[in-house]
C-alpha cells in the first residue's frame, strides 16, 4: 500500500488525489469564424481555459508530491545508512521480542491491524482510515475508488496529527522500539518522526509484516500477516500475489473456492445485464404506447 508522505505529511494516498479535469479541444479563430467573441462560444473558450488552468495546477501538485516523496526516501535511506535507525528482518524482530523483551510498535491502519497483529504489540497508527464527509475527503474517496480502490481495497487514509504525542506519552525516549507496518514504508516514515523527536533506539522491520513467515512472529488475529494488506475485488477473487503463493502451497482445494467465486460473479453480472436489457425494452414499450 504505497503512500506519498511528503513529510510535511500532507494526508494523501498512493492513488491520484483528484480526478484530472477533462481536456478541452481548442477552438481556433479560423474554425469558429473571426468575429465570434460573445455568447456560448465565449463560454466554451472560458471553460477550456479554466480546465487548462486546473490541469496545470493538478500536474504541478502531483510533481510536487513526487519530489517530496523522493526527498523523503533520501532522508530515510540516510537514517538507515548512518545507523540512526537499525534494520531488522521480521525473523530478527521476532527474536528481539522473545529474547530481549523489546517492544513492537504497530503503525498500520485499523483495516490491516484487525486482520493480524503481533501478540503483545502496541498499536498507534500513523495513518488511519479517513471517515470524514467534507468535500475534500469525499473527493479523495471517490477518486481512490475509481482509480483502483475497488480492485485493491485500499481505503482513503489520513495522517494522525496526534501520532507523535501518543507515542511520547506511551514510551520513554530511551526505550528500544521496533517499528513495523504492512510493507515497511509507513513505518520508516514513523522512524524518522521518532528520531527527530529524540528517540535513539529505533529498529525498523524491513519489508514490513507482509515479509514475515508465520513462524517469525507470534501472531494474533484471523488472517496470516501476508493477507492483512489485501482487499477489494482482487482479494475476493483470490488474484493477489499473496493468495496465488498460498494456492501454490495449498493445492486445488484452495483454488476451487476462488474459481467458484469468479463463476458466481460472472453469473451475477450476466443476470444484471439481462435484467437491464429487459427494463430497457419495457421502458421503450411504455414510450411507444
Protein backbone atom coordinates (compact mmCIF):
# COMPACT_ATOMS: atom_id res chain seq x y z
CA UNK A 1 0.00 0.00 0.00
CA UNK A 2 2.17 2.92 -1.20
CA UNK A 3 1.69 6.31 0.47
CA UNK A 4 3.06 9.63 -0.67
CA UNK A 5 4.30 11.04 2.61
CA UNK A 6 5.85 14.24 1.51
CA UNK A 7 6.53 14.93 5.14
CA UNK A 8 5.27 17.86 5.62
CA UNK A 9 2.84 14.94 5.97
CA UNK A 10 0.03 16.01 3.72
CA UNK A 11 -2.56 13.25 4.12
CA UNK A 12 -2.63 11.63 0.69
CA UNK A 13 -2.73 8.07 -0.61
CA UNK A 14 -0.85 6.37 -3.38
CA UNK A 15 -3.51 6.99 -5.95
CA UNK A 16 -4.10 10.30 -7.65
CA UNK A 17 -5.57 12.79 -5.22
CA UNK A 18 -8.16 14.31 -7.52
CA UNK A 19 -9.55 13.42 -10.90
CA UNK A 20 -7.93 15.26 -13.70
CA UNK A 21 -10.36 17.60 -15.42
CA UNK A 22 -11.30 16.64 -18.92
CA UNK A 23 -9.19 18.26 -21.57
CA UNK A 24 -10.98 20.62 -23.91
CA UNK A 25 -10.36 20.85 -27.57
CA UNK A 26 -9.14 24.27 -28.57
CA UNK A 27 -11.32 26.42 -30.78
CA UNK A 28 -9.26 28.47 -33.20
CA UNK A 29 -10.48 31.64 -34.82
CA UNK A 30 -10.37 30.04 -38.24
CA UNK A 31 -12.59 27.22 -37.11
CA UNK A 32 -15.23 29.34 -35.41
CA UNK A 33 -15.02 32.41 -37.58
CA UNK A 34 -13.06 35.58 -36.89
CA UNK A 35 -15.95 37.64 -35.46
CA UNK A 36 -17.19 35.31 -32.68
CA UNK A 37 -16.36 36.83 -29.30
CA UNK A 38 -19.55 36.61 -27.23
CA UNK A 39 -22.31 34.16 -26.43
CA UNK A 40 -21.96 30.41 -25.86
CA UNK A 41 -18.73 30.12 -27.83
CA UNK A 42 -17.01 32.55 -25.49
CA UNK A 43 -18.23 30.48 -22.57
CA UNK A 44 -16.76 27.39 -24.20
CA UNK A 45 -13.45 29.16 -24.59
CA UNK A 46 -13.53 30.32 -20.97
CA UNK A 47 -14.37 26.82 -19.77
CA UNK A 48 -11.49 25.42 -21.77
CA UNK A 49 -9.08 27.97 -20.33
CA UNK A 50 -10.37 27.19 -16.84
CA UNK A 51 -9.94 23.46 -17.48
CA UNK A 52 -6.39 24.02 -18.71
CA UNK A 53 -5.54 26.06 -15.61
CA UNK A 54 -6.95 23.31 -13.38
CA UNK A 55 -4.93 20.74 -15.33
CA UNK A 56 -1.73 22.73 -14.82
CA UNK A 57 -2.38 23.12 -11.09
CA UNK A 58 -3.13 19.40 -10.79
CA UNK A 59 0.03 18.39 -12.61
CA UNK A 60 2.15 20.82 -10.59
CA UNK A 61 0.70 19.35 -7.38
CA UNK A 62 1.47 15.80 -8.48
CA UNK A 63 5.01 16.77 -9.46
CA UNK A 64 5.48 18.35 -6.02
CA UNK A 65 4.24 15.18 -4.33
CA UNK A 66 6.68 13.08 -6.35
CA UNK A 67 9.55 15.39 -5.44
CA UNK A 68 8.54 15.33 -1.77
CA UNK A 69 8.42 11.55 -1.82
CA UNK A 70 11.85 11.30 -3.45
CA UNK A 71 13.29 13.69 -0.85
CA UNK A 72 11.68 11.67 1.97
CA UNK A 73 13.18 8.44 0.65
CA UNK A 74 16.63 10.02 0.63
CA UNK A 75 16.20 11.10 4.25
CA UNK A 76 15.04 7.64 5.28
CA UNK A 77 17.93 5.95 3.46
CA UNK A 78 20.34 8.29 5.25
CA UNK A 79 18.86 7.38 8.64
CA UNK A 80 19.42 3.69 7.92
CA UNK A 81 22.83 4.21 6.33
CA UNK A 82 24.07 6.28 9.29
CA UNK A 83 22.81 3.71 11.79
CA UNK A 84 20.31 6.08 13.38
CA UNK A 85 17.61 3.53 12.56
CA UNK A 86 18.62 -0.12 12.88
CA UNK A 87 17.28 -2.65 10.39
CA UNK A 88 15.68 -5.94 11.41
CA UNK A 89 14.19 -8.70 9.33
CA UNK A 90 10.83 -10.00 10.55
CA UNK A 91 12.57 -13.05 11.98
CA UNK A 92 15.14 -10.94 13.81
CA UNK A 93 12.31 -8.79 15.16
CA UNK A 94 10.65 -11.95 16.49
CA UNK A 95 13.85 -12.99 18.26
CA UNK A 96 14.28 -9.49 19.72
CA UNK A 97 10.74 -9.53 21.09
CA UNK A 98 11.03 -13.01 22.60
CA UNK A 99 14.61 -12.92 23.89
CA UNK A 100 15.17 -9.24 24.71
CA UNK A 101 11.59 -8.16 25.52
CA UNK A 102 11.76 -5.35 23.01
CA UNK A 103 8.52 -3.52 22.23
CA UNK A 104 6.94 -3.65 18.79
CA UNK A 105 5.03 -0.55 17.72
CA UNK A 106 2.45 -1.32 15.00
CA UNK A 107 1.71 1.83 12.96
CA UNK A 108 -0.72 0.27 10.46
CA UNK A 109 -4.30 1.48 9.96
CA UNK A 110 -7.16 -0.41 11.62
CA UNK A 111 -8.14 -2.16 8.36
CA UNK A 112 -4.85 -4.07 8.46
CA UNK A 113 -4.43 -4.35 12.22
CA UNK A 114 -7.77 -6.10 12.76
CA UNK A 115 -6.77 -8.93 10.39
CA UNK A 116 -3.46 -9.82 12.02
CA UNK A 117 -1.18 -8.36 14.67
CA UNK A 118 1.91 -9.37 16.62
CA UNK A 119 0.97 -10.72 20.02
CA UNK A 120 1.77 -8.19 22.74
CA UNK A 121 2.44 -5.35 20.28
CA UNK A 122 1.29 -1.76 20.80
CA UNK A 123 -0.87 -0.12 18.15
CA UNK A 124 -0.60 3.58 17.30
CA UNK A 125 -1.44 4.15 13.62
CA UNK A 126 0.45 6.86 11.79
CA UNK A 127 -2.28 6.85 9.13
CA UNK A 128 -5.88 5.88 9.79
CA UNK A 129 -8.97 5.40 7.65
CA UNK A 130 -10.44 8.81 6.87
CA UNK A 131 -14.08 8.82 8.00
CA UNK A 132 -14.68 12.48 7.16
CA UNK A 133 -17.54 13.60 4.93
CA UNK A 134 -16.24 17.00 3.83
CA UNK A 135 -15.91 17.76 0.13
CA UNK A 136 -12.15 17.15 0.02
CA UNK A 137 -12.37 13.79 1.77
CA UNK A 138 -15.28 12.60 -0.36
CA UNK A 139 -13.37 13.64 -3.48
CA UNK A 140 -10.34 11.60 -2.38
CA UNK A 141 -12.52 8.61 -1.59
CA UNK A 142 -14.29 8.70 -4.94
CA UNK A 143 -11.03 9.24 -6.80
CA UNK A 144 -9.31 6.44 -4.91
CA UNK A 145 -12.16 4.05 -5.61
CA UNK A 146 -12.29 4.93 -9.31
CA UNK A 147 -8.51 4.74 -9.70
CA UNK A 148 -8.27 1.19 -8.38
CA UNK A 149 -9.55 1.10 -4.81
CA UNK A 150 -12.44 -1.11 -5.92
CA UNK A 151 -9.84 -3.66 -7.02
CA UNK A 152 -7.20 -3.37 -4.28
CA UNK A 153 -9.45 -2.42 -1.36
CA UNK A 154 -7.10 0.39 -0.31
CA UNK A 155 -9.16 2.94 1.69
CA UNK A 156 -8.63 6.68 1.90
CA UNK A 157 -6.20 7.34 4.76
CA UNK A 158 -5.31 10.50 6.65
CA UNK A 159 -2.27 11.29 8.77
CA UNK A 160 -2.91 11.29 12.51
CA UNK A 161 -1.50 14.59 13.77
CA UNK A 162 -1.54 13.18 17.30
CA UNK A 163 0.67 10.20 16.37
CA UNK A 164 3.90 11.54 17.83
CA UNK A 165 2.29 12.85 21.01
CA UNK A 166 0.63 9.45 21.56
CA UNK A 167 3.98 7.67 21.20
CA UNK A 168 5.76 10.11 23.52
CA UNK A 169 3.02 9.66 26.10
CA UNK A 170 3.35 5.88 25.94
CA UNK A 171 7.09 5.26 25.56
CA UNK A 172 10.13 6.93 27.18
CA UNK A 173 12.73 8.16 24.72
CA UNK A 174 15.46 5.83 25.96
CA UNK A 175 13.34 2.75 25.26
CA UNK A 176 14.08 0.24 22.49
CA UNK A 177 11.22 0.41 19.96
CA UNK A 178 10.70 -1.86 16.96
CA UNK A 179 8.51 -0.09 14.39
CA UNK A 180 6.52 -2.09 11.85
CA UNK A 181 3.80 -1.60 9.25
CA UNK A 182 2.49 -3.85 6.49
CA UNK A 183 5.08 -3.24 3.76
CA UNK A 184 7.75 -1.17 5.51
CA UNK A 185 7.23 2.31 4.06
CA UNK A 186 4.95 3.97 6.61
CA UNK A 187 6.96 2.52 9.47
CA UNK A 188 10.11 4.09 8.03
CA UNK A 189 8.33 7.44 7.96
CA UNK A 190 7.36 6.86 11.60
CA UNK A 191 11.00 6.09 12.42
CA UNK A 192 12.01 9.48 11.05
CA UNK A 193 9.44 11.21 13.24
CA UNK A 194 10.62 9.31 16.30
CA UNK A 195 14.27 10.06 15.58
CA UNK A 196 13.54 13.77 15.16
CA UNK A 197 11.66 13.69 18.47
CA UNK A 198 14.74 12.38 20.30
CA UNK A 199 14.31 8.60 20.27
CA UNK A 200 17.70 6.92 19.86
CA UNK A 201 17.00 3.18 19.97
CA UNK A 202 14.78 2.71 16.93
CA UNK A 203 14.52 -0.53 14.98
CA UNK A 204 12.75 -0.83 11.63
CA UNK A 205 11.22 -4.06 10.31
CA UNK A 206 12.38 -4.17 6.71
CA UNK A 207 9.68 -5.28 4.29
CA UNK A 208 7.04 -4.99 6.99
CA UNK A 209 4.85 -7.72 8.43
CA UNK A 210 3.99 -8.85 4.91
CA UNK A 211 7.54 -10.17 4.59
CA UNK A 212 7.13 -12.31 7.72
CA UNK A 213 6.65 -16.05 7.65
CA UNK A 214 4.20 -17.43 10.17
CA UNK A 215 6.98 -18.82 12.36
CA UNK A 216 8.85 -15.49 12.50
CA UNK A 217 6.46 -13.63 14.80
CA UNK A 218 3.81 -14.78 17.26
CA UNK A 219 0.52 -13.78 15.64
CA UNK A 220 -2.97 -12.97 16.85
CA UNK A 221 -5.90 -12.34 14.53
CA UNK A 222 -7.89 -14.27 11.91
CA UNK A 223 -5.57 -13.83 8.90
CA UNK A 224 -1.90 -14.54 8.15
CA UNK A 225 0.34 -11.48 8.19
CA UNK A 226 0.75 -11.67 4.42
CA UNK A 227 -3.01 -11.29 3.89
CA UNK A 228 -3.53 -8.30 6.20
CA UNK A 229 -2.84 -5.73 3.48
CA UNK A 230 -5.03 -7.09 0.69
CA UNK A 231 -8.68 -6.38 -0.02
CA UNK A 232 -11.23 -5.38 -2.61
CA UNK A 233 -12.31 -7.47 -5.57
CA UNK A 234 -8.79 -8.84 -6.06
CA UNK A 235 -8.92 -10.46 -2.61
CA UNK A 236 -12.45 -11.78 -3.20
CA UNK A 237 -11.34 -13.48 -6.41
CA UNK A 238 -8.02 -14.69 -4.98
CA UNK A 239 -5.96 -12.82 -7.57
CA UNK A 240 -3.42 -11.16 -5.29
CA UNK A 241 0.20 -12.29 -5.30
CA UNK A 242 -0.13 -13.42 -1.68
CA UNK A 243 -3.14 -15.63 -2.45
CA UNK A 244 -1.52 -17.10 -5.54
CA UNK A 245 1.52 -18.07 -3.46
CA UNK A 246 -0.79 -19.68 -0.91
CA UNK A 247 -2.67 -21.50 -3.66
CA UNK A 248 0.58 -23.00 -4.91
CA UNK A 249 1.11 -24.49 -1.46
CA UNK A 250 -2.48 -25.45 -0.62
CA UNK A 251 -3.31 -27.10 -3.92
CA UNK A 252 -6.56 -27.43 -5.86
CA UNK A 253 -8.92 -27.17 -2.92
CA UNK A 254 -7.84 -23.60 -2.31
CA UNK A 255 -8.16 -22.68 -5.98
CA UNK A 256 -11.62 -24.20 -6.37
CA UNK A 257 -13.06 -21.79 -3.78
CA UNK A 258 -11.95 -18.74 -5.74
CA UNK A 259 -12.88 -20.28 -9.08
CA UNK A 260 -16.41 -20.74 -7.73
CA UNK A 261 -16.45 -17.09 -6.67
CA UNK A 262 -15.40 -15.99 -10.15
CA UNK A 263 -18.12 -18.09 -11.78
CA UNK A 264 -20.68 -16.70 -9.35
CA UNK A 265 -19.56 -13.13 -10.12
CA UNK A 266 -19.90 -13.76 -13.86
CA UNK A 267 -23.39 -15.19 -13.40
CA UNK A 268 -24.45 -12.20 -11.31
CA UNK A 269 -23.05 -9.78 -13.90
CA UNK A 270 -24.90 -11.62 -16.68
CA UNK A 271 -28.14 -11.55 -14.70
CA UNK A 272 -27.80 -7.82 -14.10
CA UNK A 273 -27.05 -7.21 -17.77
CA UNK A 274 -30.07 -9.23 -18.92
CA UNK A 275 -32.24 -7.51 -16.32
CA UNK A 276 -31.12 -4.10 -17.53
CA UNK A 277 -31.96 -5.09 -21.10
CA UNK A 278 -35.44 -6.21 -20.07
CA UNK A 279 -36.06 -2.95 -18.22
CA UNK A 280 -34.90 -1.02 -21.26
CA UNK A 281 -37.29 -2.92 -23.54
CA UNK A 282 -40.12 -2.35 -21.06
CA UNK A 283 -39.46 1.39 -20.95
CA UNK A 284 -39.39 1.55 -24.74
CA UNK A 285 -42.73 -0.22 -24.89
CA UNK A 286 -44.20 2.28 -22.44
CA UNK A 287 -42.96 5.21 -24.53
CA UNK A 288 -44.32 3.70 -27.76
CA UNK A 289 -47.79 3.42 -26.21
